[in-house]
Amino acid sequence: MSLSRLQPLFVTQKKCIRILFGDCEAYNDKFRTCARARPFGSQILGPEFYKREPSKPLFMAKKILTVHNLYKYHCALDMYKIIKLRTPISLYSLLNVSRRKETLLLTKNRSLSSNFLGKASRIWNVFRQELEINDLSISIGSLKHQLKVFLIDHQRGIGKDVWCDSNYKVL
């Protein structure tokens, strides 16, 4: 999926993470605007009042993948299942698997570049190379763990509190 399609979902995901795991006390304190509840000097609402809590530390503390990385995680996992189990056969028959390397998918076909198989094949090839998966002997559970650890480490990336494109752009 394109970044522009995932961006509204990412904004919503960050809001939900702030609501679920954010600093509840600070959030509740923000809206105590009654004169009796706040000291006299802090009655004026400045720019710090409207500043949101950074969501990146919350994602990292709870080890939650962003929407961008969840998409890549599930694409790679689905491709591995299709290659290993050869199920569903209708999708497996559309793949162009290398004869020399059983885990490598050949993606030269331009007609598949915009659909799920084309994008998922490219994503799978990147993860296959990064995680050094050379055969199909790895279990699905182990692959899930390796993918999640890799994506969390990549998501941590640059910047402690600020999201940047390199946090969720593996390809």
C-alpha atoms as a PDB file:
ATOM      1  CA  MET A   1       0.000   0.000   0.000  1.00  0.00           C
ATOM      2  CA  SER A   2       1.118   3.539  -0.572  1.00  0.00           C
ATOM      3  CA  LEU A   3       2.145   5.782   2.298  1.00  0.00           C
ATOM      4  CA  SER A   4      -0.643   8.217   1.485  1.00  0.00           C
ATOM      5  CA  ARG A   5      -3.256   5.500   2.019  1.00  0.00           C
ATOM      6  CA  LEU A   6      -1.728   4.355   5.291  1.00  0.00           C
ATOM      7  CA  GLN A   7      -1.160   7.826   6.756  1.00  0.00           C
ATOM      8  CA  PRO A   8      -4.771   8.411   7.975  1.00  0.00           C
ATOM      9  CA  LEU A   9      -4.723   4.960   9.578  1.00  0.00           C
ATOM     10  CA  PHE A  10      -1.384   5.757  11.210  1.00  0.00           C
ATOM     11  CA  VAL A  11      -2.772   9.000  12.686  1.00  0.00           C
ATOM     12  CA  THR A  12      -5.738   7.081  14.093  1.00  0.00           C
ATOM     13  CA  GLN A  13      -3.449   4.350  15.416  1.00  0.00           C
ATOM     14  CA  LYS A  14      -1.323   6.944  17.237  1.00  0.00           C
ATOM     15  CA  LYS A  15      -4.446   8.471  18.820  1.00  0.00           C
ATOM     16  CA  CYS A  16      -5.603   5.057  20.012  1.00  0.00           C
ATOM     17  CA  ILE A  17      -2.171   4.225  21.449  1.00  0.00           C
ATOM     18  CA  ARG A  18      -2.132   7.552  23.324  1.00  0.00           C
ATOM     19  CA  ILE A  19      -5.607   6.847  24.718  1.00  0.00           C
ATOM     20  CA  LEU A  20      -4.808   3.276  25.750  1.00  0.00           C
ATOM     21  CA  PHE A  21      -1.249   3.626  27.041  1.00  0.00           C
ATOM     22  CA  GLY A  22      -0.619   7.351  27.454  1.00  0.00           C
ATOM     23  CA  ASP A  23      -0.120   9.299  30.666  1.00  0.00           C
ATOM     24  CA  CYS A  24      -3.688   9.380  31.976  1.00  0.00           C
ATOM     25  CA  GLU A  25      -2.876  11.697  34.878  1.00  0.00           C
ATOM     26  CA  ALA A  26      -1.322  14.340  32.622  1.00  0.00           C
ATOM     27  CA  TYR A  27      -4.250  14.068  30.200  1.00  0.00           C
ATOM     28  CA  ASN A  28      -6.839  14.501  32.948  1.00  0.00           C
ATOM     29  CA  ASP A  29      -4.883  17.369  34.488  1.00  0.00           C
ATOM     30  CA  LYS A  30      -4.972  19.191  31.153  1.00  0.00           C
ATOM     31  CA  PHE A  31      -8.715  19.640  31.287  1.00  0.00           C
ATOM     32  CA  ARG A  32      -9.039  20.782  34.877  1.00  0.00           C
ATOM     33  CA  THR A  33      -9.557  24.371  33.845  1.00  0.00           C
ATOM     34  CA  CYS A  34     -11.753  25.380  36.762  1.00  0.00           C
ATOM     35  CA  ALA A  35     -10.303  28.311  38.729  1.00  0.00           C
ATOM     36  CA  ARG A  36     -10.386  26.254  41.925  1.00  0.00           C
ATOM     37  CA  ALA A  37      -8.559  23.299  40.367  1.00  0.00           C
ATOM     38  CA  ARG A  38      -5.532  25.146  38.914  1.00  0.00           C
ATOM     39  CA  PRO A  39      -3.110  27.467  40.650  1.00  0.00           C
ATOM     40  CA  PHE A  40      -3.458  31.113  39.679  1.00  0.00           C
ATOM     41  CA  GLY A  41      -0.263  31.236  37.568  1.00  0.00           C
ATOM     42  CA  SER A  42      -1.209  28.286  35.370  1.00  0.00           C
ATOM     43  CA  GLN A  43      -4.635  29.559  34.322  1.00  0.00           C
ATOM     44  CA  ILE A  44      -3.420  30.760  30.921  1.00  0.00           C
ATOM     45  CA  LEU A  45      -3.329  27.986  28.334  1.00  0.00           C
ATOM     46  CA  GLY A  46      -0.104  28.282  26.364  1.00  0.00           C
ATOM     47  CA  PRO A  47       1.293  26.168  23.515  1.00  0.00           C
ATOM     48  CA  GLU A  48       2.437  23.423  25.902  1.00  0.00           C
ATOM     49  CA  PHE A  49      -1.229  22.794  26.746  1.00  0.00           C
ATOM     50  CA  TYR A  50      -1.966  21.802  23.149  1.00  0.00           C
ATOM     51  CA  LYS A  51       1.178  19.717  22.670  1.00  0.00           C
ATOM     52  CA  ARG A  52       0.431  16.019  22.270  1.00  0.00           C
ATOM     53  CA  GLU A  53       2.252  13.301  24.113  1.00  0.00           C
ATOM     54  CA  PRO A  54       4.825  11.661  21.801  1.00  0.00           C
ATOM     55  CA  SER A  55       3.507   8.321  20.579  1.00  0.00           C
ATOM     56  CA  LYS A  56       6.801   6.739  19.549  1.00  0.00           C
ATOM     57  CA  PRO A  57       7.956   5.947  23.120  1.00  0.00           C
ATOM     58  CA  LEU A  58       4.573   4.299  23.743  1.00  0.00           C
ATOM     59  CA  PHE A  59       4.954   2.124  20.625  1.00  0.00           C
ATOM     60  CA  MET A  60       8.469   1.132  21.670  1.00  0.00           C
ATOM     61  CA  ALA A  61       7.581   0.424  25.327  1.00  0.00           C
ATOM     62  CA  LYS A  62       4.709  -1.882  24.359  1.00  0.00           C
ATOM     63  CA  LYS A  63       6.497  -3.261  21.242  1.00  0.00           C
ATOM     64  CA  ILE A  64       3.606  -2.370  18.949  1.00  0.00           C
ATOM     65  CA  LEU A  65       4.135  -2.306  15.188  1.00  0.00           C
ATOM     66  CA  THR A  66       2.924   0.675  13.189  1.00  0.00           C
ATOM     67  CA  VAL A  67       0.298   0.184  10.486  1.00  0.00           C
ATOM     68  CA  HIS A  68       3.055   0.433   7.859  1.00  0.00           C
ATOM     69  CA  ASN A  69       5.060  -2.344   9.453  1.00  0.00           C
ATOM     70  CA  LEU A  70       1.986  -4.478  10.153  1.00  0.00           C
ATOM     71  CA  TYR A  71       1.239  -4.442   6.423  1.00  0.00           C
ATOM     72  CA  LYS A  72       4.788  -5.590   5.604  1.00  0.00           C
ATOM     73  CA  TYR A  73       4.720  -8.173   8.402  1.00  0.00           C
ATOM     74  CA  HIS A  74       1.527  -9.794   7.147  1.00  0.00           C
ATOM     75  CA  CYS A  75       2.577  -9.661   3.479  1.00  0.00           C
ATOM     76  CA  ALA A  76       5.869 -11.424   4.236  1.00  0.00           C
ATOM     77  CA  LEU A  77       4.193 -13.960   6.497  1.00  0.00           C
ATOM     78  CA  ASP A  78       1.483 -14.749   3.946  1.00  0.00           C
ATOM     79  CA  MET A  79       4.055 -15.155   1.177  1.00  0.00           C
ATOM     80  CA  TYR A  80       6.081 -17.567   3.319  1.00  0.00           C
ATOM     81  CA  LYS A  81       2.966 -19.632   4.036  1.00  0.00           C
ATOM     82  CA  ILE A  82       2.066 -19.696   0.336  1.00  0.00           C
ATOM     83  CA  ILE A  83       5.598 -20.782  -0.641  1.00  0.00           C
ATOM     84  CA  LYS A  84       6.039 -23.344   2.143  1.00  0.00           C
ATOM     85  CA  LEU A  85       2.581 -24.903   2.229  1.00  0.00           C
ATOM     86  CA  ARG A  86       1.745 -24.290  -1.472  1.00  0.00           C
ATOM     87  CA  THR A  87      -1.720 -23.310  -0.357  1.00  0.00           C
ATOM     88  CA  PRO A  88      -3.855 -21.841  -1.853  1.00  0.00           C
ATOM     89  CA  ILE A  89      -2.668 -23.463  -5.041  1.00  0.00           C
ATOM     90  CA  SER A  90      -4.315 -20.765  -7.146  1.00  0.00           C
ATOM     91  CA  LEU A  91      -1.949 -18.135  -5.680  1.00  0.00           C
ATOM     92  CA  TYR A  92       1.076 -20.429  -5.611  1.00  0.00           C
ATOM     93  CA  SER A  93       0.677 -21.187  -9.321  1.00  0.00           C
ATOM     94  CA  LEU A  94       0.923 -17.433 -10.090  1.00  0.00           C
ATOM     95  CA  LEU A  95       4.291 -17.112  -8.313  1.00  0.00           C
ATOM     96  CA  ASN A  96       7.562 -17.385 -10.168  1.00  0.00           C
ATOM     97  CA  VAL A  97       9.802 -19.280  -7.726  1.00  0.00           C
ATOM     98  CA  SER A  98      13.502 -19.489  -8.529  1.00  0.00           C
ATOM     99  CA  ARG A  99      14.770 -22.959  -9.424  1.00  0.00           C
ATOM    100  CA  ARG A 100      18.104 -22.386  -7.661  1.00  0.00           C
ATOM    101  CA  LYS A 101      16.800 -20.839  -4.432  1.00  0.00           C
ATOM    102  CA  GLU A 102      13.482 -22.177  -3.208  1.00  0.00           C
ATOM    103  CA  THR A 103      12.755 -19.065  -1.137  1.00  0.00           C
ATOM    104  CA  LEU A 104      13.495 -16.480  -3.841  1.00  0.00           C
ATOM    105  CA  LEU A 105      10.572 -15.100  -5.824  1.00  0.00           C
ATOM    106  CA  LEU A 106      11.297 -13.691  -9.263  1.00  0.00           C
ATOM    107  CA  THR A 107       9.402 -10.421  -9.728  1.00  0.00           C
ATOM    108  CA  LYS A 108      10.249  -9.322 -13.265  1.00  0.00           C
ATOM    109  CA  ASN A 109       6.618  -9.579 -14.421  1.00  0.00           C
ATOM    110  CA  ARG A 110       5.291  -5.998 -14.633  1.00  0.00           C
ATOM    111  CA  SER A 111       1.629  -7.057 -14.687  1.00  0.00           C
ATOM    112  CA  LEU A 112       1.923  -8.253 -11.077  1.00  0.00           C
ATOM    113  CA  SER A 113       3.653  -5.102  -9.803  1.00  0.00           C
ATOM    114  CA  SER A 114       0.529  -3.320  -8.591  1.00  0.00           C
ATOM    115  CA  ASN A 115      -1.403  -6.205  -7.066  1.00  0.00           C
ATOM    116  CA  PHE A 116      -0.894  -8.135  -3.844  1.00  0.00           C
ATOM    117  CA  LEU A 117       1.357 -10.822  -5.287  1.00  0.00           C
ATOM    118  CA  GLY A 118       3.750  -8.337  -6.867  1.00  0.00           C
ATOM    119  CA  LYS A 119       4.094  -6.137  -3.808  1.00  0.00           C
ATOM    120  CA  ALA A 120       4.171  -9.039  -1.352  1.00  0.00           C
ATOM    121  CA  SER A 121       6.812 -10.807  -3.464  1.00  0.00           C
ATOM    122  CA  ARG A 122       9.097  -7.776  -3.329  1.00  0.00           C
ATOM    123  CA  ILE A 123       8.508  -7.410   0.423  1.00  0.00           C
ATOM    124  CA  TRP A 124       9.220 -11.127   0.935  1.00  0.00           C
ATOM    125  CA  ASN A 125      12.469 -10.944  -1.049  1.00  0.00           C
ATOM    126  CA  VAL A 126      13.709  -8.054   1.109  1.00  0.00           C
ATOM    127  CA  PHE A 127      12.919  -9.854   4.368  1.00  0.00           C
ATOM    128  CA  ARG A 128      14.310 -13.132   3.028  1.00  0.00           C
ATOM    129  CA  GLN A 129      17.625 -11.413   2.386  1.00  0.00           C
ATOM    130  CA  GLU A 130      17.665  -9.411   5.651  1.00  0.00           C
ATOM    131  CA  LEU A 131      16.773 -12.401   7.837  1.00  0.00           C
ATOM    132  CA  GLU A 132      18.953 -14.790   5.792  1.00  0.00           C
ATOM    133  CA  ILE A 133      16.181 -17.300   5.093  1.00  0.00           C
ATOM    134  CA  ASN A 134      17.673 -19.739   2.588  1.00  0.00           C
ATOM    135  CA  ASP A 135      15.339 -22.704   2.952  1.00  0.00           C
ATOM    136  CA  LEU A 136      11.806 -23.507   4.041  1.00  0.00           C
ATOM    137  CA  SER A 137      12.773 -25.411   7.193  1.00  0.00           C
ATOM    138  CA  ILE A 138      12.099 -22.478   9.529  1.00  0.00           C
ATOM    139  CA  SER A 139       8.790 -22.800  11.380  1.00  0.00           C
ATOM    140  CA  ILE A 140       6.052 -20.227  10.908  1.00  0.00           C
ATOM    141  CA  GLY A 141       6.160 -19.294  14.612  1.00  0.00           C
ATOM    142  CA  SER A 142       9.893 -18.683  14.451  1.00  0.00           C
ATOM    143  CA  LEU A 143       9.472 -16.556  11.324  1.00  0.00           C
ATOM    144  CA  LYS A 144       6.789 -14.486  13.067  1.00  0.00           C
ATOM    145  CA  HIS A 145       9.162 -13.784  15.937  1.00  0.00           C
ATOM    146  CA  GLN A 146      12.088 -12.911  13.639  1.00  0.00           C
ATOM    147  CA  LEU A 147       9.938 -10.584  11.528  1.00  0.00           C
ATOM    148  CA  LYS A 148       8.535  -8.779  14.553  1.00  0.00           C
ATOM    149  CA  VAL A 149      11.960  -8.318  16.172  1.00  0.00           C
ATOM    150  CA  PHE A 150      13.421  -7.041  12.893  1.00  0.00           C
ATOM    151  CA  LEU A 151      10.560  -4.599  12.315  1.00  0.00           C
ATOM    152  CA  ILE A 152      10.582  -3.319  15.911  1.00  0.00           C
ATOM    153  CA  ASP A 153      14.339  -2.691  15.686  1.00  0.00           C
ATOM    154  CA  HIS A 154      13.902  -0.957  12.357  1.00  0.00           C
ATOM    155  CA  GLN A 155      10.958   1.037  13.706  1.00  0.00           C
ATOM    156  CA  ARG A 156      13.055   2.236  16.637  1.00  0.00           C
ATOM    157  CA  GLY A 157      15.460   3.692  14.076  1.00  0.00           C
ATOM    158  CA  ILE A 158      16.429   7.333  14.255  1.00  0.00           C
ATOM    159  CA  GLY A 159      14.958   9.802  16.715  1.00  0.00           C
ATOM    160  CA  LYS A 160      13.723   9.070  20.188  1.00  0.00           C
ATOM    161  CA  ASP A 161      10.338  10.814  20.135  1.00  0.00           C
ATOM    162  CA  VAL A 162       9.773  11.747  16.491  1.00  0.00           C
ATOM    163  CA  TRP A 163       8.588   9.550  13.637  1.00  0.00           C
ATOM    164  CA  CYS A 164      10.442   9.781  10.342  1.00  0.00           C
ATOM    165  CA  ASP A 165      10.100   7.882   7.063  1.00  0.00           C
ATOM    166  CA  SER A 166      13.050   5.625   7.828  1.00  0.00           C
ATOM    167  CA  ASN A 167      11.208   4.232  10.897  1.00  0.00           C
ATOM    168  CA  TYR A 168       8.764   2.339   8.712  1.00  0.00           C
ATOM    169  CA  LYS A 169      10.340   2.318   5.265  1.00  0.00           C
ATOM    170  CA  VAL A 170      12.158  -0.998   4.901  1.00  0.00           C
ATOM    171  CA  LEU A 171      11.890  -1.118   1.109  1.00  0.00           C
END
